[in-house]
């Protein structure tokens, strides 16, 4: 079940790798921490470096071999220093539960959120489709980490912790396999993820001063285009590591613009949307059609609570589009943004999930 050959995997400054005997002292010391003892739900009441080494040689090795248990290490990517532990247990054919704790010396560095994302990638590569998690209502830090890593609360009730205690627990779930099949089609358009060959048409659109006039960007050079395309290639889903989705708008096989949706509040499911259309294809409702489809995707598939759109107040075409797709004008900020040598006004539009429905 567990493909250890897929490890290690790294994101920013966090590495997920197998737990080794060299981690024993740091592991044992971390379990003495008051918060780890309260919220870690560890199966043993006390750990020593020697007991951790025995655990690694015995039940952890057997669990990895049988595919029933994976106790992994979170490490600092630069130094390989042990910063926490993550466990996959209660494994079935397509589901496992995940638990984690962070060493007190490494808290506040983002290792928990990145570790959960890395573990989700590892679990998916091993054929799992769903990860579940449980945490105590008073463990606000754990709840925040789970929410920002794409886990969603599904229920609360009294249950038994891995340590054998009966307590009220919040249950979380993350689907590792998206149900969105790309591309998606509207009446006249095809929306797809970006591809490595998209630099040409992106440059043709974003190098135009009339396109970037009301954007924060200056007209793109080809070098800028390559950098921006690399960013877009990583934006493949709201609940993925990037927290963003960048889609190409195609009409009759021709790329005519793009739409991006990105999370602004992971925990409370809020996002922002932006769009750009080639002026040569304006005035035919293509942008409206594409934005409506992405709003529906955000609310119906990703279960977002609220989506906003912000734009330069001089951009009358985008403002009109926002109203056409059902976004409400919520604010007009006066000279709040200094862009391209002048103070500009910003319009803020928004829509709630209930309004989209």
Foldseek 3Di string as FASTA:
>chain_A
DADLVVDWDDDDFKTKHADDLVCLQLAQVQCVDPCCQVWVLDQDNHGHSVNVNVCCVPVQVVCNVVVAKGKIFMAGNVPRHTFWIKMWHPDDQAETEIGIDTRPVCPPVCRLLVVLQSVLVSSVVVRHFKYKYKTAPVPVVVLQSCLLLAKDWDDWDWDAGSNGDTDIITMIMHGSDAPDDPFDDDPFKTKGQDDQPPLVVVLVQQQDCVQCVWPQDHRDDSVNSNVVSVVRNPAPDCNHPQNKHKIFIDGPRHTFWIKMWGDPRRSQQEIEIDITGRPVPPPPCSVLRVVLVVVCCSCPRVVHFKYKYKTFPVPVVVVVSCVVSPWAFDDWAFQPDQGPHGGTIMTMTMDGSVRSD
